[in-house]
């Protein structure tokens, strides 16, 4: 199935006529009919009821809607590519792990947009491992993740160590204590881990904290992502351990309890290509260095790039 097939099909469907579609596409009607027939044969479905008037079948209606969106996206990509080539747009792609959005990453990006007027910032949600692959492929310019590892081609800097807290159902007995808890206070509570994949990941960090504390956790389930884990917590399925900034979600069916565990933190790690001399990258790295809402202790301890 090629783009021209989709273009021909959507034009016929929109015009409701082979003859009008052929005129609009500047091709003869017989070849246009053959192209649509080839598309139907390839898909193994009938897309059009060729009566008067011409109507779409159920599969045809689905393909029409999806094809219109796809062709519009192709047009957008074509137009943006040309604008970038003409120097009309500065493109900068940022990969991020979803949980970093609850910290100060949105404010950092907002300041970046102010500092570089006219920049086209594209935000792409991806795991830390996916970010590294995307950096090497040139699909993103910088990434913000949480998983620690080394790669000789990638510069990785911890820009924040975020404290963790416990998310429990509203009204849970642990909340009634009214004080910060030690991790051992949660022993025996059903634990909801996330994300289920990829591994190793944040879930393994949480398990390592339990191991270091001599706790054998009771795993209730493993959720695909944070929002699902919090939904399971709200339903009474157990507790989960989250970065403290997750409180900003503002759920009224989940309570958050501070942990009195100074070593239980999750890093926010900035990653970029080792030999990337991009001016835009240098500006964003400098903004991170100067960002006044990052942890002051880290700010003074971290060397300038």
C-alpha atoms as a PDB file:
ATOM      1  CA  UNK A   1       0.000   0.000   0.000  1.00  0.00           C
ATOM      2  CA  UNK A   2       1.603   3.219  -1.172  1.00  0.00           C
ATOM      3  CA  UNK A   3       0.803   6.833  -0.375  1.00  0.00           C
ATOM      4  CA  UNK A   4      -0.462   7.411  -3.916  1.00  0.00           C
ATOM      5  CA  UNK A   5      -3.051   4.683  -3.408  1.00  0.00           C
ATOM      6  CA  UNK A   6      -4.281   6.417  -0.271  1.00  0.00           C
ATOM      7  CA  UNK A   7      -4.277   9.793  -2.016  1.00  0.00           C
ATOM      8  CA  UNK A   8      -6.307   8.419  -4.934  1.00  0.00           C
ATOM      9  CA  UNK A   9      -8.724   6.634  -2.615  1.00  0.00           C
ATOM     10  CA  UNK A  10      -9.358   9.624  -0.336  1.00  0.00           C
ATOM     11  CA  UNK A  11      -9.952  11.879  -3.345  1.00  0.00           C
ATOM     12  CA  UNK A  12     -12.506   9.464  -4.829  1.00  0.00           C
ATOM     13  CA  UNK A  13     -14.215   9.110  -1.459  1.00  0.00           C
ATOM     14  CA  UNK A  14     -14.284  12.878  -0.857  1.00  0.00           C
ATOM     15  CA  UNK A  15     -15.579  13.661  -4.350  1.00  0.00           C
ATOM     16  CA  UNK A  16     -18.042  10.768  -4.399  1.00  0.00           C
ATOM     17  CA  UNK A  17     -17.218  10.252  -8.055  1.00  0.00           C
ATOM     18  CA  UNK A  18     -14.448   8.647 -10.103  1.00  0.00           C
ATOM     19  CA  UNK A  19     -14.805  11.205 -12.863  1.00  0.00           C
ATOM     20  CA  UNK A  20     -14.550  14.247 -10.579  1.00  0.00           C
ATOM     21  CA  UNK A  21     -11.673  12.645  -8.654  1.00  0.00           C
ATOM     22  CA  UNK A  22      -9.829  11.897 -11.920  1.00  0.00           C
ATOM     23  CA  UNK A  23     -10.248  15.497 -13.010  1.00  0.00           C
ATOM     24  CA  UNK A  24      -8.974  16.792  -9.670  1.00  0.00           C
ATOM     25  CA  UNK A  25      -5.985  14.411  -9.724  1.00  0.00           C
ATOM     26  CA  UNK A  26      -5.233  15.217 -13.373  1.00  0.00           C
ATOM     27  CA  UNK A  27      -5.281  11.577 -14.456  1.00  0.00           C
ATOM     28  CA  UNK A  28      -7.607   9.549 -16.693  1.00  0.00           C
ATOM     29  CA  UNK A  29     -10.501   7.725 -15.064  1.00  0.00           C
ATOM     30  CA  UNK A  30      -9.611   4.125 -16.139  1.00  0.00           C
ATOM     31  CA  UNK A  31      -6.147   4.169 -14.495  1.00  0.00           C
ATOM     32  CA  UNK A  32      -7.681   5.695 -11.360  1.00  0.00           C
ATOM     33  CA  UNK A  33     -10.247   2.882 -11.186  1.00  0.00           C
ATOM     34  CA  UNK A  34      -7.474   0.306 -11.590  1.00  0.00           C
ATOM     35  CA  UNK A  35      -5.488   1.893  -8.727  1.00  0.00           C
ATOM     36  CA  UNK A  36      -8.486   1.636  -6.392  1.00  0.00           C
ATOM     37  CA  UNK A  37      -9.093  -1.953  -7.453  1.00  0.00           C
ATOM     38  CA  UNK A  38      -5.439  -2.792  -6.735  1.00  0.00           C
ATOM     39  CA  UNK A  39      -5.798  -1.268  -3.275  1.00  0.00           C
ATOM     40  CA  UNK A  40      -8.918  -3.342  -2.595  1.00  0.00           C
ATOM     41  CA  UNK A  41      -7.187  -6.504  -3.826  1.00  0.00           C
ATOM     42  CA  UNK A  42      -4.154  -5.852  -1.649  1.00  0.00           C
ATOM     43  CA  UNK A  43      -6.289  -5.290   1.459  1.00  0.00           C
ATOM     44  CA  UNK A  44      -8.706  -8.075   0.594  1.00  0.00           C
ATOM     45  CA  UNK A  45     -11.750  -5.888   1.256  1.00  0.00           C
ATOM     46  CA  UNK A  46     -14.269  -3.889  -0.755  1.00  0.00           C
ATOM     47  CA  UNK A  47     -13.862  -0.183  -0.006  1.00  0.00           C
ATOM     48  CA  UNK A  48     -16.507   1.317  -2.279  1.00  0.00           C
ATOM     49  CA  UNK A  49     -20.050   0.493  -3.310  1.00  0.00           C
ATOM     50  CA  UNK A  50     -19.926   1.528  -6.958  1.00  0.00           C
ATOM     51  CA  UNK A  51     -23.527   2.584  -7.348  1.00  0.00           C
ATOM     52  CA  UNK A  52     -25.104   5.955  -7.889  1.00  0.00           C
ATOM     53  CA  UNK A  53     -24.199   7.699  -5.737  1.00  0.00           C
ATOM     54  CA  UNK A  54     -20.794   6.190  -4.897  1.00  0.00           C
ATOM     55  CA  UNK A  55     -20.686   5.208  -1.209  1.00  0.00           C
ATOM     56  CA  UNK A  56     -18.105   3.879   1.227  1.00  0.00           C
ATOM     57  CA  UNK A  57     -18.309   0.460   2.864  1.00  0.00           C
ATOM     58  CA  UNK A  58     -17.618   0.147   6.583  1.00  0.00           C
ATOM     59  CA  UNK A  59     -13.930  -0.742   5.985  1.00  0.00           C
ATOM     60  CA  UNK A  60     -13.835   2.072   3.440  1.00  0.00           C
ATOM     61  CA  UNK A  61     -15.040   4.630   5.985  1.00  0.00           C
ATOM     62  CA  UNK A  62     -12.345   3.533   8.421  1.00  0.00           C
ATOM     63  CA  UNK A  63      -9.608   3.701   5.792  1.00  0.00           C
ATOM     64  CA  UNK A  64     -10.860   7.097   4.605  1.00  0.00           C
ATOM     65  CA  UNK A  65     -10.607   8.657   8.076  1.00  0.00           C
ATOM     66  CA  UNK A  66      -7.217   7.123   8.823  1.00  0.00           C
ATOM     67  CA  UNK A  67      -5.835   7.992   5.392  1.00  0.00           C
ATOM     68  CA  UNK A  68      -6.855  11.640   5.697  1.00  0.00           C
ATOM     69  CA  UNK A  69      -4.976  11.931   8.990  1.00  0.00           C
ATOM     70  CA  UNK A  70      -1.931  10.129   7.612  1.00  0.00           C
ATOM     71  CA  UNK A  71      -1.777  12.254   4.451  1.00  0.00           C
ATOM     72  CA  UNK A  72      -2.125  15.438   6.495  1.00  0.00           C
ATOM     73  CA  UNK A  73       0.735  14.297   8.708  1.00  0.00           C
ATOM     74  CA  UNK A  74       2.866  13.628   5.624  1.00  0.00           C
ATOM     75  CA  UNK A  75       2.089  17.139   4.375  1.00  0.00           C
ATOM     76  CA  UNK A  76       3.041  18.616   7.738  1.00  0.00           C
ATOM     77  CA  UNK A  77       6.345  16.727   7.738  1.00  0.00           C
ATOM     78  CA  UNK A  78       7.094  17.842   4.190  1.00  0.00           C
ATOM     79  CA  UNK A  79       6.335  21.471   4.983  1.00  0.00           C
ATOM     80  CA  UNK A  80       8.355  21.446   8.222  1.00  0.00           C
ATOM     81  CA  UNK A  81      11.323  19.805   6.490  1.00  0.00           C
ATOM     82  CA  UNK A  82      11.352  22.537   3.868  1.00  0.00           C
ATOM     83  CA  UNK A  83      11.072  25.269   6.497  1.00  0.00           C
ATOM     84  CA  UNK A  84      13.982  23.803   8.456  1.00  0.00           C
ATOM     85  CA  UNK A  85      16.065  23.552   5.271  1.00  0.00           C
ATOM     86  CA  UNK A  86      15.406  27.246   4.564  1.00  0.00           C
ATOM     87  CA  UNK A  87      16.451  28.214   8.076  1.00  0.00           C
ATOM     88  CA  UNK A  88      12.932  29.351   8.918  1.00  0.00           C
ATOM     89  CA  UNK A  89      12.605  26.992  11.915  1.00  0.00           C
ATOM     90  CA  UNK A  90      15.034  25.850  14.599  1.00  0.00           C
ATOM     91  CA  UNK A  91      14.119  22.255  15.423  1.00  0.00           C
ATOM     92  CA  UNK A  92      15.052  20.698  18.770  1.00  0.00           C
ATOM     93  CA  UNK A  93      13.840  17.287  19.935  1.00  0.00           C
ATOM     94  CA  UNK A  94      13.678  16.337  23.614  1.00  0.00           C
ATOM     95  CA  UNK A  95      13.116  12.820  24.920  1.00  0.00           C
ATOM     96  CA  UNK A  96      11.692  12.435  28.407  1.00  0.00           C
ATOM     97  CA  UNK A  97      10.512   9.854  30.908  1.00  0.00           C
ATOM     98  CA  UNK A  98       6.923  10.699  31.864  1.00  0.00           C
ATOM     99  CA  UNK A  99       7.621  11.140  35.582  1.00  0.00           C
ATOM    100  CA  UNK A 100      10.111  13.967  34.903  1.00  0.00           C
ATOM    101  CA  UNK A 101       7.188  16.140  33.760  1.00  0.00           C
ATOM    102  CA  UNK A 102       5.944  16.324  37.346  1.00  0.00           C
ATOM    103  CA  UNK A 103       9.195  17.945  38.441  1.00  0.00           C
ATOM    104  CA  UNK A 104      10.547  21.188  36.941  1.00  0.00           C
ATOM    105  CA  UNK A 105      11.176  19.981  33.397  1.00  0.00           C
ATOM    106  CA  UNK A 106       8.162  21.900  31.960  1.00  0.00           C
ATOM    107  CA  UNK A 107       9.475  25.151  33.474  1.00  0.00           C
ATOM    108  CA  UNK A 108      12.947  24.459  32.063  1.00  0.00           C
ATOM    109  CA  UNK A 109      11.519  23.947  28.574  1.00  0.00           C
ATOM    110  CA  UNK A 110       9.387  27.079  28.910  1.00  0.00           C
ATOM    111  CA  UNK A 111      12.508  29.104  29.703  1.00  0.00           C
ATOM    112  CA  UNK A 112      14.306  27.483  26.773  1.00  0.00           C
ATOM    113  CA  UNK A 113      11.549  28.611  24.418  1.00  0.00           C
ATOM    114  CA  UNK A 114      11.821  32.147  25.774  1.00  0.00           C
ATOM    115  CA  UNK A 115      15.608  32.137  25.410  1.00  0.00           C
ATOM    116  CA  UNK A 116      15.403  30.925  21.783  1.00  0.00           C
ATOM    117  CA  UNK A 117      12.441  32.681  20.117  1.00  0.00           C
ATOM    118  CA  UNK A 118      10.944  30.800  17.192  1.00  0.00           C
ATOM    119  CA  UNK A 119      12.367  27.426  18.184  1.00  0.00           C
ATOM    120  CA  UNK A 120      10.268  24.363  17.366  1.00  0.00           C
ATOM    121  CA  UNK A 121      10.537  22.067  20.410  1.00  0.00           C
ATOM    122  CA  UNK A 122       9.253  18.537  19.982  1.00  0.00           C
ATOM    123  CA  UNK A 123       8.704  16.484  23.146  1.00  0.00           C
ATOM    124  CA  UNK A 124       8.880  12.715  22.771  1.00  0.00           C
ATOM    125  CA  UNK A 125       7.961  10.389  25.631  1.00  0.00           C
ATOM    126  CA  UNK A 126      10.376   7.452  25.770  1.00  0.00           C
ATOM    127  CA  UNK A 127      12.175   5.292  28.290  1.00  0.00           C
ATOM    128  CA  UNK A 128      15.776   6.035  29.239  1.00  0.00           C
ATOM    129  CA  UNK A 129      17.055   3.175  27.069  1.00  0.00           C
ATOM    130  CA  UNK A 130      14.972   4.390  24.131  1.00  0.00           C
ATOM    131  CA  UNK A 131      16.440   7.865  24.625  1.00  0.00           C
ATOM    132  CA  UNK A 132      19.989   6.568  24.276  1.00  0.00           C
ATOM    133  CA  UNK A 133      19.125   4.772  21.032  1.00  0.00           C
ATOM    134  CA  UNK A 134      17.340   7.908  19.755  1.00  0.00           C
ATOM    135  CA  UNK A 135      20.361  10.076  20.599  1.00  0.00           C
ATOM    136  CA  UNK A 136      22.663   7.794  18.641  1.00  0.00           C
ATOM    137  CA  UNK A 137      20.253   7.770  15.689  1.00  0.00           C
ATOM    138  CA  UNK A 138      19.917  11.559  15.772  1.00  0.00           C
ATOM    139  CA  UNK A 139      16.168  11.412  16.453  1.00  0.00           C
ATOM    140  CA  UNK A 140      16.463  13.501  19.633  1.00  0.00           C
ATOM    141  CA  UNK A 141      18.969  16.132  20.764  1.00  0.00           C
ATOM    142  CA  UNK A 142      18.741  15.600  24.509  1.00  0.00           C
ATOM    143  CA  UNK A 143      17.008  13.240  26.906  1.00  0.00           C
ATOM    144  CA  UNK A 144      15.806  13.346  30.505  1.00  0.00           C
ATOM    145  CA  UNK A 145      15.530   9.953  32.185  1.00  0.00           C
ATOM    146  CA  UNK A 146      16.030   8.158  35.501  1.00  0.00           C
ATOM    147  CA  UNK A 147      18.056   5.014  34.812  1.00  0.00           C
ATOM    148  CA  UNK A 148      21.787   5.019  35.645  1.00  0.00           C
ATOM    149  CA  UNK A 149      24.272   3.423  33.240  1.00  0.00           C
ATOM    150  CA  UNK A 150      27.344   4.404  31.246  1.00  0.00           C
ATOM    151  CA  UNK A 151      27.775   4.706  27.488  1.00  0.00           C
ATOM    152  CA  UNK A 152      31.018   5.957  25.884  1.00  0.00           C
ATOM    153  CA  UNK A 153      29.117   7.891  23.209  1.00  0.00           C
ATOM    154  CA  UNK A 154      26.715   9.656  25.574  1.00  0.00           C
ATOM    155  CA  UNK A 155      27.328  12.300  28.243  1.00  0.00           C
ATOM    156  CA  UNK A 156      25.034  11.673  31.201  1.00  0.00           C
ATOM    157  CA  UNK A 157      24.681  14.126  34.094  1.00  0.00           C
ATOM    158  CA  UNK A 158      22.559  13.759  37.199  1.00  0.00           C
ATOM    159  CA  UNK A 159      20.839  17.120  37.513  1.00  0.00           C
ATOM    160  CA  UNK A 160      18.625  16.234  40.453  1.00  0.00           C
ATOM    161  CA  UNK A 161      18.210  13.511  43.061  1.00  0.00           C
ATOM    162  CA  UNK A 162      14.509  13.424  43.795  1.00  0.00           C
ATOM    163  CA  UNK A 163      13.220  12.100  47.114  1.00  0.00           C
ATOM    164  CA  UNK A 164      10.685   9.294  47.018  1.00  0.00           C
ATOM    165  CA  UNK A 165       7.418   8.950  48.894  1.00  0.00           C
ATOM    166  CA  UNK A 166       4.713   6.337  49.441  1.00  0.00           C
ATOM    167  CA  UNK A 167       1.372   6.548  47.631  1.00  0.00           C
ATOM    168  CA  UNK A 168      -1.459   4.871  49.536  1.00  0.00           C
ATOM    169  CA  UNK A 169      -5.241   4.746  49.220  1.00  0.00           C
ATOM    170  CA  UNK A 170      -6.965   7.645  50.919  1.00  0.00           C
ATOM    171  CA  UNK A 171      -7.675   6.762  54.570  1.00  0.00           C
ATOM    172  CA  UNK A 172      -5.042   4.033  54.731  1.00  0.00           C
ATOM    173  CA  UNK A 173      -3.818   3.229  58.307  1.00  0.00           C
ATOM    174  CA  UNK A 174      -0.284   4.338  57.387  1.00  0.00           C
ATOM    175  CA  UNK A 175      -1.626   7.850  56.773  1.00  0.00           C
ATOM    176  CA  UNK A 176      -3.041   8.041  60.306  1.00  0.00           C
ATOM    177  CA  UNK A 177       0.464   7.946  61.784  1.00  0.00           C
ATOM    178  CA  UNK A 178       0.931  11.518  60.641  1.00  0.00           C
ATOM    179  CA  UNK A 179       4.703  11.299  60.338  1.00  0.00           C
ATOM    180  CA  UNK A 180       7.302  10.321  57.781  1.00  0.00           C
ATOM    181  CA  UNK A 181       7.812   6.556  57.574  1.00  0.00           C
ATOM    182  CA  UNK A 182      10.778   4.258  57.308  1.00  0.00           C
ATOM    183  CA  UNK A 183      10.579   1.763  54.474  1.00  0.00           C
ATOM    184  CA  UNK A 184      10.389  -1.100  56.971  1.00  0.00           C
ATOM    185  CA  UNK A 185       7.076   0.378  58.206  1.00  0.00           C
ATOM    186  CA  UNK A 186       5.552  -0.737  54.902  1.00  0.00           C
ATOM    187  CA  UNK A 187       6.683  -4.378  55.211  1.00  0.00           C
ATOM    188  CA  UNK A 188       3.766  -6.700  54.508  1.00  0.00           C
ATOM    189  CA  UNK A 189       1.823  -4.103  52.507  1.00  0.00           C
ATOM    190  CA  UNK A 190       0.949  -5.245  48.963  1.00  0.00           C
ATOM    191  CA  UNK A 191       3.373  -3.407  46.667  1.00  0.00           C
ATOM    192  CA  UNK A 192       2.448  -2.194  43.183  1.00  0.00           C
ATOM    193  CA  UNK A 193       5.483  -1.871  40.930  1.00  0.00           C
ATOM    194  CA  UNK A 194       5.791   0.133  37.728  1.00  0.00           C
ATOM    195  CA  UNK A 195       6.713   0.162  34.948  1.00  0.00           C
ATOM    196  CA  UNK A 196       6.391  -3.482  33.987  1.00  0.00           C
ATOM    197  CA  UNK A 197       8.892  -2.929  31.145  1.00  0.00           C
ATOM    198  CA  UNK A 198      11.599  -2.235  30.157  1.00  0.00           C
ATOM    199  CA  UNK A 199      13.818  -3.937  32.689  1.00  0.00           C
ATOM    200  CA  UNK A 200      16.047  -2.983  34.359  1.00  0.00           C
ATOM    201  CA  UNK A 201      14.226   0.209  35.218  1.00  0.00           C
ATOM    202  CA  UNK A 202      12.600   2.214  38.001  1.00  0.00           C
ATOM    203  CA  UNK A 203      10.814  -0.884  39.328  1.00  0.00           C
ATOM    204  CA  UNK A 204      14.197  -2.516  39.911  1.00  0.00           C
ATOM    205  CA  UNK A 205      15.395   0.571  41.802  1.00  0.00           C
ATOM    206  CA  UNK A 206      12.430   0.188  44.149  1.00  0.00           C
ATOM    207  CA  UNK A 207      13.155  -3.515  44.628  1.00  0.00           C
ATOM    208  CA  UNK A 208      16.815  -2.750  45.394  1.00  0.00           C
ATOM    209  CA  UNK A 209      15.748  -0.329  48.151  1.00  0.00           C
ATOM    210  CA  UNK A 210      13.696  -3.119  49.743  1.00  0.00           C
ATOM    211  CA  UNK A 211      16.596  -5.543  49.403  1.00  0.00           C
ATOM    212  CA  UNK A 212      19.011  -3.097  51.044  1.00  0.00           C
ATOM    213  CA  UNK A 213      16.557  -2.662  53.932  1.00  0.00           C
ATOM    214  CA  UNK A 214      16.267  -6.429  54.373  1.00  0.00           C
ATOM    215  CA  UNK A 215      12.619  -6.435  53.291  1.00  0.00           C
ATOM    216  CA  UNK A 216      11.063  -9.149  51.147  1.00  0.00           C
ATOM    217  CA  UNK A 217       8.277  -7.163  49.429  1.00  0.00           C
ATOM    218  CA  UNK A 218       4.834  -8.608  48.750  1.00  0.00           C
ATOM    219  CA  UNK A 219       4.339  -7.841  45.060  1.00  0.00           C
ATOM    220  CA  UNK A 220       0.647  -7.249  44.372  1.00  0.00           C
ATOM    221  CA  UNK A 221       1.029  -6.521  40.660  1.00  0.00           C
ATOM    222  CA  UNK A 222       3.228  -4.794  38.093  1.00  0.00           C
ATOM    223  CA  UNK A 223       1.572  -1.928  36.213  1.00  0.00           C
ATOM    224  CA  UNK A 224       2.540  -0.660  32.781  1.00  0.00           C
ATOM    225  CA  UNK A 225       2.944   2.955  33.862  1.00  0.00           C
ATOM    226  CA  UNK A 226       2.599   5.437  36.718  1.00  0.00           C
ATOM    227  CA  UNK A 227      -1.000   6.496  36.117  1.00  0.00           C
ATOM    228  CA  UNK A 228      -2.147   2.879  36.109  1.00  0.00           C
ATOM    229  CA  UNK A 229      -0.231   2.200  39.314  1.00  0.00           C
ATOM    230  CA  UNK A 230      -1.909   5.154  41.044  1.00  0.00           C
ATOM    231  CA  UNK A 231      -5.318   3.970  39.845  1.00  0.00           C
ATOM    232  CA  UNK A 232      -4.648   0.566  41.362  1.00  0.00           C
ATOM    233  CA  UNK A 233      -3.557   2.235  44.610  1.00  0.00           C
ATOM    234  CA  UNK A 234      -6.760   4.308  44.706  1.00  0.00           C
ATOM    235  CA  UNK A 235      -8.813   1.119  44.284  1.00  0.00           C
ATOM    236  CA  UNK A 236      -7.200  -0.369  47.392  1.00  0.00           C
ATOM    237  CA  UNK A 237      -4.905  -2.738  45.527  1.00  0.00           C
ATOM    238  CA  UNK A 238      -1.807  -1.804  47.483  1.00  0.00           C
ATOM    239  CA  UNK A 239       0.792   0.934  47.862  1.00  0.00           C
ATOM    240  CA  UNK A 240       3.425   2.173  45.455  1.00  0.00           C
ATOM    241  CA  UNK A 241       6.608   4.233  45.737  1.00  0.00           C
ATOM    242  CA  UNK A 242       6.802   7.330  43.563  1.00  0.00           C
ATOM    243  CA  UNK A 243       8.985  10.423  43.086  1.00  0.00           C
ATOM    244  CA  UNK A 244       7.822  13.201  45.426  1.00  0.00           C
ATOM    245  CA  UNK A 245       6.905  15.491  42.503  1.00  0.00           C
ATOM    246  CA  UNK A 246       4.054  13.099  41.600  1.00  0.00           C
ATOM    247  CA  UNK A 247       2.073  14.863  44.334  1.00  0.00           C
ATOM    248  CA  UNK A 248       1.460  17.594  41.739  1.00  0.00           C
ATOM    249  CA  UNK A 249      -1.003  15.299  39.977  1.00  0.00           C
ATOM    250  CA  UNK A 250      -3.495  16.378  42.652  1.00  0.00           C
ATOM    251  CA  UNK A 251      -5.452  13.113  42.905  1.00  0.00           C
ATOM    252  CA  UNK A 252      -7.907  13.288  45.812  1.00  0.00           C
ATOM    253  CA  UNK A 253      -8.231   9.495  46.078  1.00  0.00           C
ATOM    254  CA  UNK A 254      -4.541   8.915  46.821  1.00  0.00           C
ATOM    255  CA  UNK A 255      -2.511  10.006  49.870  1.00  0.00           C
ATOM    256  CA  UNK A 256       1.247  10.617  49.827  1.00  0.00           C
ATOM    257  CA  UNK A 257       3.477   9.925  52.808  1.00  0.00           C
ATOM    258  CA  UNK A 258       7.053  11.178  53.130  1.00  0.00           C
ATOM    259  CA  UNK A 259       9.799   8.618  53.596  1.00  0.00           C
ATOM    260  CA  UNK A 260      12.444   9.126  56.262  1.00  0.00           C
ATOM    261  CA  UNK A 261      15.021   7.462  54.016  1.00  0.00           C
ATOM    262  CA  UNK A 262      17.642   9.993  52.816  1.00  0.00           C
ATOM    263  CA  UNK A 263      19.261   7.447  50.505  1.00  0.00           C
ATOM    264  CA  UNK A 264      15.999   6.609  48.737  1.00  0.00           C
ATOM    265  CA  UNK A 265      16.105   8.932  45.772  1.00  0.00           C
ATOM    266  CA  UNK A 266      15.490   8.659  42.041  1.00  0.00           C
ATOM    267  CA  UNK A 267      17.808  10.659  39.760  1.00  0.00           C
ATOM    268  CA  UNK A 268      16.797  12.880  36.894  1.00  0.00           C
ATOM    269  CA  UNK A 269      19.563  12.368  34.368  1.00  0.00           C
ATOM    270  CA  UNK A 270      20.289  14.590  31.372  1.00  0.00           C
ATOM    271  CA  UNK A 271      21.792  12.772  28.369  1.00  0.00           C
ATOM    272  CA  UNK A 272      23.230  14.086  25.112  1.00  0.00           C
ATOM    273  CA  UNK A 273      25.722  13.050  22.432  1.00  0.00           C
ATOM    274  CA  UNK A 274      29.350  13.333  23.462  1.00  0.00           C
ATOM    275  CA  UNK A 275      30.551  15.236  20.383  1.00  0.00           C
ATOM    276  CA  UNK A 276      27.443  17.346  19.769  1.00  0.00           C
ATOM    277  CA  UNK A 277      28.544  20.967  19.322  1.00  0.00           C
ATOM    278  CA  UNK A 278      25.049  22.322  18.629  1.00  0.00           C
ATOM    279  CA  UNK A 279      24.463  25.890  19.827  1.00  0.00           C
ATOM    280  CA  UNK A 280      20.920  24.981  20.882  1.00  0.00           C
ATOM    281  CA  UNK A 281      22.159  22.077  22.968  1.00  0.00           C
ATOM    282  CA  UNK A 282      24.754  24.309  24.631  1.00  0.00           C
ATOM    283  CA  UNK A 283      22.034  26.835  25.502  1.00  0.00           C
ATOM    284  CA  UNK A 284      19.792  24.219  27.079  1.00  0.00           C
ATOM    285  CA  UNK A 285      22.659  22.652  29.045  1.00  0.00           C
ATOM    286  CA  UNK A 286      23.564  26.112  30.340  1.00  0.00           C
ATOM    287  CA  UNK A 287      19.932  26.721  31.330  1.00  0.00           C
ATOM    288  CA  UNK A 288      19.995  23.485  33.312  1.00  0.00           C
ATOM    289  CA  UNK A 289      23.183  24.614  35.044  1.00  0.00           C
ATOM    290  CA  UNK A 290      21.655  27.933  36.010  1.00  0.00           C
ATOM    291  CA  UNK A 291      18.141  26.717  36.709  1.00  0.00           C
ATOM    292  CA  UNK A 292      17.393  28.108  40.147  1.00  0.00           C
ATOM    293  CA  UNK A 293      14.803  25.498  41.073  1.00  0.00           C
ATOM    294  CA  UNK A 294      17.073  22.484  40.819  1.00  0.00           C
ATOM    295  CA  UNK A 295      18.418  21.213  44.128  1.00  0.00           C
ATOM    296  CA  UNK A 296      20.878  23.913  45.367  1.00  0.00           C
ATOM    297  CA  UNK A 297      23.265  21.298  46.802  1.00  0.00           C
ATOM    298  CA  UNK A 298      23.572  19.646  43.424  1.00  0.00           C
ATOM    299  CA  UNK A 299      23.880  23.000  41.706  1.00  0.00           C
ATOM    300  CA  UNK A 300      26.979  23.949  43.687  1.00  0.00           C
ATOM    301  CA  UNK A 301      28.482  20.483  43.447  1.00  0.00           C
ATOM    302  CA  UNK A 302      28.022  20.061  39.691  1.00  0.00           C
ATOM    303  CA  UNK A 303      30.846  21.377  37.458  1.00  0.00           C
ATOM    304  CA  UNK A 304      29.995  23.753  34.636  1.00  0.00           C
ATOM    305  CA  UNK A 305      29.691  22.052  31.220  1.00  0.00           C
END
